[in-house]
Amino acid sequence: MSRFPWQEAMRFGLGTLRLPPTAFWAMTPRELAAAHAGLTGRGTAKPLDRAGFERLMAAHPDGGENGRRV
Protein backbone atom coordinates (compact mmCIF):
# COMPACT_ATOMS: atom_id res chain seq x y z
CA MET A 1 0.00 0.00 0.00
CA SER A 2 1.33 3.44 -0.90
CA ARG A 3 1.39 6.35 1.47
CA PHE A 4 -1.03 9.24 1.16
CA PRO A 5 0.55 12.06 -0.93
CA TRP A 6 0.41 14.75 1.76
CA GLN A 7 2.75 17.17 0.00
CA GLU A 8 0.66 17.18 -3.16
CA ALA A 9 -2.58 17.37 -1.17
CA MET A 10 -1.35 20.35 0.85
CA ARG A 11 -0.03 22.07 -2.27
CA PHE A 12 -3.40 21.65 -3.97
CA GLY A 13 -5.62 22.46 -0.98
CA LEU A 14 -3.65 25.31 0.53
CA GLY A 15 -2.06 26.64 -2.66
CA THR A 16 -4.37 26.02 -5.60
CA LEU A 17 -7.70 26.13 -3.76
CA ARG A 18 -6.38 28.69 -1.25
CA LEU A 19 -8.26 27.02 1.58
CA PRO A 20 -7.54 28.26 5.07
CA PRO A 21 -5.66 25.61 7.05
CA THR A 22 -8.66 24.91 9.29
CA ALA A 23 -10.84 24.16 6.25
CA PHE A 24 -8.14 22.04 4.61
CA TRP A 25 -7.53 19.90 7.69
CA ALA A 26 -11.28 19.50 8.24
CA MET A 27 -11.69 17.92 4.78
CA THR A 28 -11.62 14.20 4.20
CA PRO A 29 -9.35 12.82 1.47
CA ARG A 30 -12.50 11.96 -0.49
CA GLU A 31 -13.72 15.59 -0.30
CA LEU A 32 -10.32 16.83 -1.44
CA ALA A 33 -10.38 14.36 -4.34
CA ALA A 34 -13.85 15.60 -5.34
CA ALA A 35 -12.61 19.20 -5.32
CA HIS A 36 -9.66 18.17 -7.48
CA ALA A 37 -11.92 16.32 -9.91
CA GLY A 38 -14.24 19.29 -10.17
CA LEU A 39 -11.44 21.75 -10.77
CA THR A 40 -9.59 19.64 -13.30
CA GLY A 41 -12.68 18.46 -15.15
CA ARG A 42 -12.04 14.84 -14.23
CA GLY A 43 -15.39 14.49 -12.51
CA THR A 44 -18.34 12.73 -14.01
CA ALA A 45 -20.71 15.68 -13.85
CA LYS A 46 -21.46 17.43 -17.12
CA PRO A 47 -22.55 21.05 -17.57
CA LEU A 48 -26.27 21.66 -17.42
CA ASP A 49 -27.74 21.89 -20.92
CA ARG A 50 -30.76 24.01 -21.88
CA ALA A 51 -33.26 21.14 -21.58
CA GLY A 52 -31.93 20.27 -18.13
CA PHE A 53 -32.12 23.92 -17.10
CA GLU A 54 -35.73 24.16 -18.26
CA ARG A 55 -36.62 20.99 -16.31
CA LEU A 56 -34.98 22.49 -13.24
CA MET A 57 -36.91 25.75 -13.68
CA ALA A 58 -40.21 23.86 -14.08
CA ALA A 59 -39.53 21.80 -10.95
CA HIS A 60 -38.52 24.85 -8.87
CA PRO A 61 -40.26 27.98 -10.19
CA ASP A 62 -39.55 31.41 -8.78
CA GLY A 63 -42.15 32.78 -6.43
CA GLY A 64 -43.56 32.35 -2.99
CA GLU A 65 -46.24 30.00 -1.80
CA ASN A 66 -48.89 31.74 -3.91
CA GLY A 67 -46.75 31.72 -7.05
CA ARG A 68 -45.90 35.42 -6.78
CA ARG A 69 -42.42 36.47 -7.71
CA VAL A 70 -40.36 37.35 -4.68
PDB file of N, CA and C in Angstrom:
ATOM      1  N   MET A   1       0.837  -1.170   0.000  1.00  0.00           N
ATOM      2  CA  MET A   1       0.000   0.000   0.000  1.00  0.00           C
ATOM      3  C   MET A   1       0.889   1.243   0.000  1.00  0.00           C
ATOM      4  N   SER A   2       0.531   2.215  -0.836  1.00  0.00           N
ATOM      5  CA  SER A   2       1.332   3.443  -0.903  1.00  0.00           C
ATOM      6  C   SER A   2       0.840   4.444   0.143  1.00  0.00           C
ATOM      7  N   ARG A   3       1.714   5.327   0.490  1.00  0.00           N
ATOM      8  CA  ARG A   3       1.391   6.347   1.474  1.00  0.00           C
ATOM      9  C   ARG A   3       0.558   7.443   0.835  1.00  0.00           C
ATOM     10  N   PHE A   4      -0.225   8.133   1.657  1.00  0.00           N
ATOM     11  CA  PHE A   4      -1.031   9.240   1.157  1.00  0.00           C
ATOM     12  C   PHE A   4      -0.107  10.385   0.739  1.00  0.00           C
ATOM     13  N   PRO A   5      -0.334  10.998  -0.422  1.00  0.00           N
ATOM     14  CA  PRO A   5       0.546  12.064  -0.926  1.00  0.00           C
ATOM     15  C   PRO A   5       0.268  13.415  -0.253  1.00  0.00           C
ATOM     16  N   TRP A   6       0.701  13.540   0.991  1.00  0.00           N
ATOM     17  CA  TRP A   6       0.405  14.750   1.757  1.00  0.00           C
ATOM     18  C   TRP A   6       0.959  16.010   1.127  1.00  0.00           C
ATOM     19  N   GLN A   7       2.167  15.959   0.604  1.00  0.00           N
ATOM     20  CA  GLN A   7       2.752  17.167   0.005  1.00  0.00           C
ATOM     21  C   GLN A   7       1.904  17.678  -1.143  1.00  0.00           C
ATOM     22  N   GLU A   8       1.489  16.787  -2.023  1.00  0.00           N
ATOM     23  CA  GLU A   8       0.656  17.185  -3.158  1.00  0.00           C
ATOM     24  C   GLU A   8      -0.715  17.659  -2.686  1.00  0.00           C
ATOM     25  N   ALA A   9      -1.274  16.977  -1.695  1.00  0.00           N
ATOM     26  CA  ALA A   9      -2.581  17.368  -1.169  1.00  0.00           C
ATOM     27  C   ALA A   9      -2.529  18.754  -0.549  1.00  0.00           C
ATOM     28  N   MET A  10      -1.489  19.032   0.242  1.00  0.00           N
ATOM     29  CA  MET A  10      -1.353  20.351   0.851  1.00  0.00           C
ATOM     30  C   MET A  10      -1.106  21.426  -0.198  1.00  0.00           C
ATOM     31  N   ARG A  11      -0.293  21.115  -1.191  1.00  0.00           N
ATOM     32  CA  ARG A  11      -0.030  22.067  -2.267  1.00  0.00           C
ATOM     33  C   ARG A  11      -1.328  22.428  -2.990  1.00  0.00           C
ATOM     34  N   PHE A  12      -2.144  21.401  -3.273  1.00  0.00           N
ATOM     35  CA  PHE A  12      -3.402  21.646  -3.967  1.00  0.00           C
ATOM     36  C   PHE A  12      -4.402  22.382  -3.073  1.00  0.00           C
ATOM     37  N   GLY A  13      -4.617  21.875  -1.866  1.00  0.00           N
ATOM     38  CA  GLY A  13      -5.623  22.459  -0.978  1.00  0.00           C
ATOM     39  C   GLY A  13      -5.282  23.851  -0.491  1.00  0.00           C
ATOM     40  N   LEU A  14      -4.058  24.021  -0.029  1.00  0.00           N
ATOM     41  CA  LEU A  14      -3.653  25.314   0.526  1.00  0.00           C
ATOM     42  C   LEU A  14      -3.206  26.288  -0.553  1.00  0.00           C
ATOM     43  N   GLY A  15      -2.573  25.766  -1.613  1.00  0.00           N
ATOM     44  CA  GLY A  15      -2.055  26.641  -2.665  1.00  0.00           C
ATOM     45  C   GLY A  15      -3.050  26.902  -3.772  1.00  0.00           C
ATOM     46  N   THR A  16      -3.477  25.852  -4.451  1.00  0.00           N
ATOM     47  CA  THR A  16      -4.370  26.022  -5.596  1.00  0.00           C
ATOM     48  C   THR A  16      -5.761  26.475  -5.173  1.00  0.00           C
ATOM     49  N   LEU A  17      -6.358  25.769  -4.213  1.00  0.00           N
ATOM     50  CA  LEU A  17      -7.703  26.134  -3.759  1.00  0.00           C
ATOM     51  C   LEU A  17      -7.700  27.317  -2.798  1.00  0.00           C
ATOM     52  N   ARG A  18      -6.534  27.598  -2.215  1.00  0.00           N
ATOM     53  CA  ARG A  18      -6.377  28.689  -1.247  1.00  0.00           C
ATOM     54  C   ARG A  18      -7.316  28.526  -0.045  1.00  0.00           C
ATOM     55  N   LEU A  19      -7.456  27.283   0.392  1.00  0.00           N
ATOM     56  CA  LEU A  19      -8.258  27.017   1.579  1.00  0.00           C
ATOM     57  C   LEU A  19      -7.511  27.475   2.818  1.00  0.00           C
ATOM     58  N   PRO A  20      -8.216  28.003   3.805  1.00  0.00           N
ATOM     59  CA  PRO A  20      -7.541  28.263   5.075  1.00  0.00           C
ATOM     60  C   PRO A  20      -7.169  26.918   5.704  1.00  0.00           C
ATOM     61  N   PRO A  21      -6.097  26.889   6.467  1.00  0.00           N
ATOM     62  CA  PRO A  21      -5.663  25.614   7.052  1.00  0.00           C
ATOM     63  C   PRO A  21      -6.761  24.880   7.806  1.00  0.00           C
ATOM     64  N   THR A  22      -7.603  25.593   8.542  1.00  0.00           N
ATOM     65  CA  THR A  22      -8.664  24.909   9.290  1.00  0.00           C
ATOM     66  C   THR A  22      -9.626  24.192   8.345  1.00  0.00           C
ATOM     67  N   ALA A  23      -9.934  24.794   7.215  1.00  0.00           N
ATOM     68  CA  ALA A  23     -10.836  24.159   6.247  1.00  0.00           C
ATOM     69  C   ALA A  23     -10.150  22.965   5.584  1.00  0.00           C
ATOM     70  N   PHE A  24      -8.871  23.131   5.242  1.00  0.00           N
ATOM     71  CA  PHE A  24      -8.140  22.035   4.614  1.00  0.00           C
ATOM     72  C   PHE A  24      -8.076  20.819   5.527  1.00  0.00           C
ATOM     73  N   TRP A  25      -7.688  21.025   6.776  1.00  0.00           N
ATOM     74  CA  TRP A  25      -7.526  19.901   7.688  1.00  0.00           C
ATOM     75  C   TRP A  25      -8.855  19.312   8.128  1.00  0.00           C
ATOM     76  N   ALA A  26      -9.957  20.034   7.928  1.00  0.00           N
ATOM     77  CA  ALA A  26     -11.277  19.496   8.245  1.00  0.00           C
ATOM     78  C   ALA A  26     -11.821  18.611   7.124  1.00  0.00           C
ATOM     79  N   MET A  27     -11.229  18.709   5.914  1.00  0.00           N
ATOM     80  CA  MET A  27     -11.691  17.920   4.776  1.00  0.00           C
ATOM     81  C   MET A  27     -11.238  16.472   4.889  1.00  0.00           C
ATOM     82  N   THR A  28     -12.041  15.591   4.314  1.00  0.00           N
ATOM     83  CA  THR A  28     -11.623  14.201   4.196  1.00  0.00           C
ATOM     84  C   THR A  28     -10.850  14.059   2.882  1.00  0.00           C
ATOM     85  N   PRO A  29     -10.025  13.039   2.752  1.00  0.00           N
ATOM     86  CA  PRO A  29      -9.351  12.820   1.467  1.00  0.00           C
ATOM     87  C   PRO A  29     -10.339  12.689   0.305  1.00  0.00           C
ATOM     88  N   ARG A  30     -11.493  12.101   0.560  1.00  0.00           N
ATOM     89  CA  ARG A  30     -12.505  11.962  -0.492  1.00  0.00           C
ATOM     90  C   ARG A  30     -13.042  13.331  -0.921  1.00  0.00           C
ATOM     91  N   GLU A  31     -13.256  14.233   0.037  1.00  0.00           N
ATOM     92  CA  GLU A  31     -13.718  15.586  -0.300  1.00  0.00           C
ATOM     93  C   GLU A  31     -12.656  16.341  -1.097  1.00  0.00           C
ATOM     94  N   LEU A  32     -11.399  16.183  -0.707  1.00  0.00           N
ATOM     95  CA  LEU A  32     -10.316  16.831  -1.440  1.00  0.00           C
ATOM     96  C   LEU A  32     -10.221  16.279  -2.857  1.00  0.00           C
ATOM     97  N   ALA A  33     -10.400  14.968  -3.010  1.00  0.00           N
ATOM     98  CA  ALA A  33     -10.379  14.364  -4.338  1.00  0.00           C
ATOM     99  C   ALA A  33     -11.531  14.877  -5.193  1.00  0.00           C
ATOM    100  N   ALA A  34     -12.699  15.081  -4.595  1.00  0.00           N
ATOM    101  CA  ALA A  34     -13.848  15.600  -5.338  1.00  0.00           C
ATOM    102  C   ALA A  34     -13.583  17.034  -5.789  1.00  0.00           C
ATOM    103  N   ALA A  35     -12.959  17.834  -4.936  1.00  0.00           N
ATOM    104  CA  ALA A  35     -12.613  19.201  -5.318  1.00  0.00           C
ATOM    105  C   ALA A  35     -11.613  19.187  -6.470  1.00  0.00           C
ATOM    106  N   HIS A  36     -10.653  18.283  -6.408  1.00  0.00           N
ATOM    107  CA  HIS A  36      -9.658  18.166  -7.475  1.00  0.00           C
ATOM    108  C   HIS A  36     -10.320  17.746  -8.784  1.00  0.00           C
ATOM    109  N   ALA A  37     -11.224  16.779  -8.713  1.00  0.00           N
ATOM    110  CA  ALA A  37     -11.916  16.315  -9.912  1.00  0.00           C
ATOM    111  C   ALA A  37     -12.766  17.426 -10.514  1.00  0.00           C
ATOM    112  N   GLY A  38     -13.420  18.192  -9.664  1.00  0.00           N
ATOM    113  CA  GLY A  38     -14.244  19.290 -10.166  1.00  0.00           C
ATOM    114  C   GLY A  38     -13.430  20.387 -10.807  1.00  0.00           C
ATOM    115  N   LEU A  39     -12.276  20.682 -10.234  1.00  0.00           N
ATOM    116  CA  LEU A  39     -11.437  21.747 -10.770  1.00  0.00           C
ATOM    117  C   LEU A  39     -10.725  21.330 -12.042  1.00  0.00           C
ATOM    118  N   THR A  40     -10.345  20.091 -12.136  1.00  0.00           N
ATOM    119  CA  THR A  40      -9.585  19.642 -13.301  1.00  0.00           C
ATOM    120  C   THR A  40     -10.463  19.068 -14.394  1.00  0.00           C
ATOM    121  N   GLY A  41     -11.781  19.004 -14.156  1.00  0.00           N
ATOM    122  CA  GLY A  41     -12.682  18.456 -15.155  1.00  0.00           C
ATOM    123  C   GLY A  41     -12.661  16.947 -15.233  1.00  0.00           C
ATOM    124  N   ARG A  42     -12.106  16.307 -14.224  1.00  0.00           N
ATOM    125  CA  ARG A  42     -12.042  14.845 -14.229  1.00  0.00           C
ATOM    126  C   ARG A  42     -13.240  14.213 -13.547  1.00  0.00           C
ATOM    127  N   GLY A  43     -14.191  15.029 -13.140  1.00  0.00           N
ATOM    128  CA  GLY A  43     -15.388  14.495 -12.507  1.00  0.00           C
ATOM    129  C   GLY A  43     -16.342  13.936 -13.547  1.00  0.00           C
ATOM    130  N   THR A  44     -17.380  13.322 -13.087  1.00  0.00           N
ATOM    131  CA  THR A  44     -18.339  12.728 -14.008  1.00  0.00           C
ATOM    132  C   THR A  44     -19.487  13.664 -14.342  1.00  0.00           C
ATOM    133  N   ALA A  45     -19.618  14.755 -13.598  1.00  0.00           N
ATOM    134  CA  ALA A  45     -20.714  15.677 -13.852  1.00  0.00           C
ATOM    135  C   ALA A  45     -20.464  16.444 -15.148  1.00  0.00           C
ATOM    136  N   LYS A  46     -21.542  16.665 -15.887  1.00  0.00           N
ATOM    137  CA  LYS A  46     -21.460  17.434 -17.124  1.00  0.00           C
ATOM    138  C   LYS A  46     -22.179  18.755 -16.918  1.00  0.00           C
ATOM    139  N   PRO A  47     -21.842  19.780 -17.694  1.00  0.00           N
ATOM    140  CA  PRO A  47     -22.545  21.053 -17.567  1.00  0.00           C
ATOM    141  C   PRO A  47     -24.037  20.880 -17.858  1.00  0.00           C
ATOM    142  N   LEU A  48     -24.828  21.697 -17.232  1.00  0.00           N
ATOM    143  CA  LEU A  48     -26.268  21.655 -17.416  1.00  0.00           C
ATOM    144  C   LEU A  48     -26.608  22.198 -18.798  1.00  0.00           C
ATOM    145  N   ASP A  49     -27.335  21.412 -19.597  1.00  0.00           N
ATOM    146  CA  ASP A  49     -27.739  21.892 -20.925  1.00  0.00           C
ATOM    147  C   ASP A  49     -29.074  22.630 -20.800  1.00  0.00           C
ATOM    148  N   ARG A  50     -29.539  23.202 -21.904  1.00  0.00           N
ATOM    149  CA  ARG A  50     -30.756  24.007 -21.884  1.00  0.00           C
ATOM    150  C   ARG A  50     -31.972  23.187 -21.431  1.00  0.00           C
ATOM    151  N   ALA A  51     -32.120  21.976 -21.952  1.00  0.00           N
ATOM    152  CA  ALA A  51     -33.259  21.135 -21.579  1.00  0.00           C
ATOM    153  C   ALA A  51     -33.232  20.822 -20.081  1.00  0.00           C
ATOM    154  N   GLY A  52     -32.059  20.535 -19.558  1.00  0.00           N
ATOM    155  CA  GLY A  52     -31.932  20.270 -18.130  1.00  0.00           C
ATOM    156  C   GLY A  52     -32.257  21.500 -17.300  1.00  0.00           C
ATOM    157  N   PHE A  53     -31.829  22.662 -17.785  1.00  0.00           N
ATOM    158  CA  PHE A  53     -32.120  23.917 -17.099  1.00  0.00           C
ATOM    159  C   PHE A  53     -33.623  24.181 -17.075  1.00  0.00           C
ATOM    160  N   GLU A  54     -34.290  23.942 -18.203  1.00  0.00           N
ATOM    161  CA  GLU A  54     -35.735  24.157 -18.263  1.00  0.00           C
ATOM    162  C   GLU A  54     -36.476  23.191 -17.338  1.00  0.00           C
ATOM    163  N   ARG A  55     -36.014  21.934 -17.244  1.00  0.00           N
ATOM    164  CA  ARG A  55     -36.619  20.986 -16.308  1.00  0.00           C
ATOM    165  C   ARG A  55     -36.431  21.458 -14.866  1.00  0.00           C
ATOM    166  N   LEU A  56     -35.261  21.976 -14.580  1.00  0.00           N
ATOM    167  CA  LEU A  56     -34.980  22.488 -13.241  1.00  0.00           C
ATOM    168  C   LEU A  56     -35.870  23.689 -12.923  1.00  0.00           C
ATOM    169  N   MET A  57     -36.045  24.590 -13.891  1.00  0.00           N
ATOM    170  CA  MET A  57     -36.912  25.754 -13.678  1.00  0.00           C
ATOM    171  C   MET A  57     -38.364  25.328 -13.469  1.00  0.00           C
ATOM    172  N   ALA A  58     -38.825  24.326 -14.223  1.00  0.00           N
ATOM    173  CA  ALA A  58     -40.206  23.860 -14.076  1.00  0.00           C
ATOM    174  C   ALA A  58     -40.412  23.198 -12.711  1.00  0.00           C
ATOM    175  N   ALA A  59     -39.423  22.482 -12.245  1.00  0.00           N
ATOM    176  CA  ALA A  59     -39.534  21.799 -10.955  1.00  0.00           C
ATOM    177  C   ALA A  59     -39.452  22.766  -9.777  1.00  0.00           C
ATOM    178  N   HIS A  60     -38.734  23.881  -9.964  1.00  0.00           N
ATOM    179  CA  HIS A  60     -38.519  24.845  -8.872  1.00  0.00           C
ATOM    180  C   HIS A  60     -38.736  26.257  -9.385  1.00  0.00           C
ATOM    181  N   PRO A  61     -39.999  26.643  -9.651  1.00  0.00           N
ATOM    182  CA  PRO A  61     -40.261  27.979 -10.194  1.00  0.00           C
ATOM    183  C   PRO A  61     -39.996  29.069  -9.160  1.00  0.00           C
ATOM    184  N   ASP A  62     -39.698  30.256  -9.660  1.00  0.00           N
ATOM    185  CA  ASP A  62     -39.549  31.413  -8.781  1.00  0.00           C
ATOM    186  C   ASP A  62     -40.900  31.761  -8.197  1.00  0.00           C
ATOM    187  N   GLY A  63     -40.898  32.334  -7.026  1.00  0.00           N
ATOM    188  CA  GLY A  63     -42.148  32.781  -6.429  1.00  0.00           C
ATOM    189  C   GLY A  63     -42.358  32.197  -5.055  1.00  0.00           C
ATOM    190  N   GLY A  64     -43.245  32.819  -4.334  1.00  0.00           N
ATOM    191  CA  GLY A  64     -43.556  32.353  -2.991  1.00  0.00           C
ATOM    192  C   GLY A  64     -44.598  31.251  -3.031  1.00  0.00           C
ATOM    193  N   GLU A  65     -45.248  31.060  -1.896  1.00  0.00           N
ATOM    194  CA  GLU A  65     -46.245  29.997  -1.796  1.00  0.00           C
ATOM    195  C   GLU A  65     -47.408  30.203  -2.754  1.00  0.00           C
ATOM    196  N   ASN A  66     -47.759  31.453  -3.037  1.00  0.00           N
ATOM    197  CA  ASN A  66     -48.891  31.744  -3.913  1.00  0.00           C
ATOM    198  C   ASN A  66     -48.472  31.929  -5.366  1.00  0.00           C
ATOM    199  N   GLY A  67     -47.232  31.600  -5.680  1.00  0.00           N
ATOM    200  CA  GLY A  67     -46.753  31.718  -7.050  1.00  0.00           C
ATOM    201  C   GLY A  67     -46.315  33.123  -7.430  1.00  0.00           C
ATOM    202  N   ARG A  68     -46.341  34.052  -6.482  1.00  0.00           N
ATOM    203  CA  ARG A  68     -45.903  35.419  -6.784  1.00  0.00           C
ATOM    204  C   ARG A  68     -44.392  35.462  -6.819  1.00  0.00           C
ATOM    205  N   ARG A  69     -43.865  36.276  -7.676  1.00  0.00           N
ATOM    206  CA  ARG A  69     -42.416  36.471  -7.705  1.00  0.00           C
ATOM    207  C   ARG A  69     -41.988  37.166  -6.436  1.00  0.00           C
ATOM    208  N   VAL A  70     -40.871  36.768  -5.918  1.00  0.00           N
ATOM    209  CA  VAL A  70     -40.357  37.352  -4.678  1.00  0.00           C
ATOM    210  C   VAL A  70     -39.343  38.396  -5.009  1.00  0.00           C
TER     211      VAL A  70
END
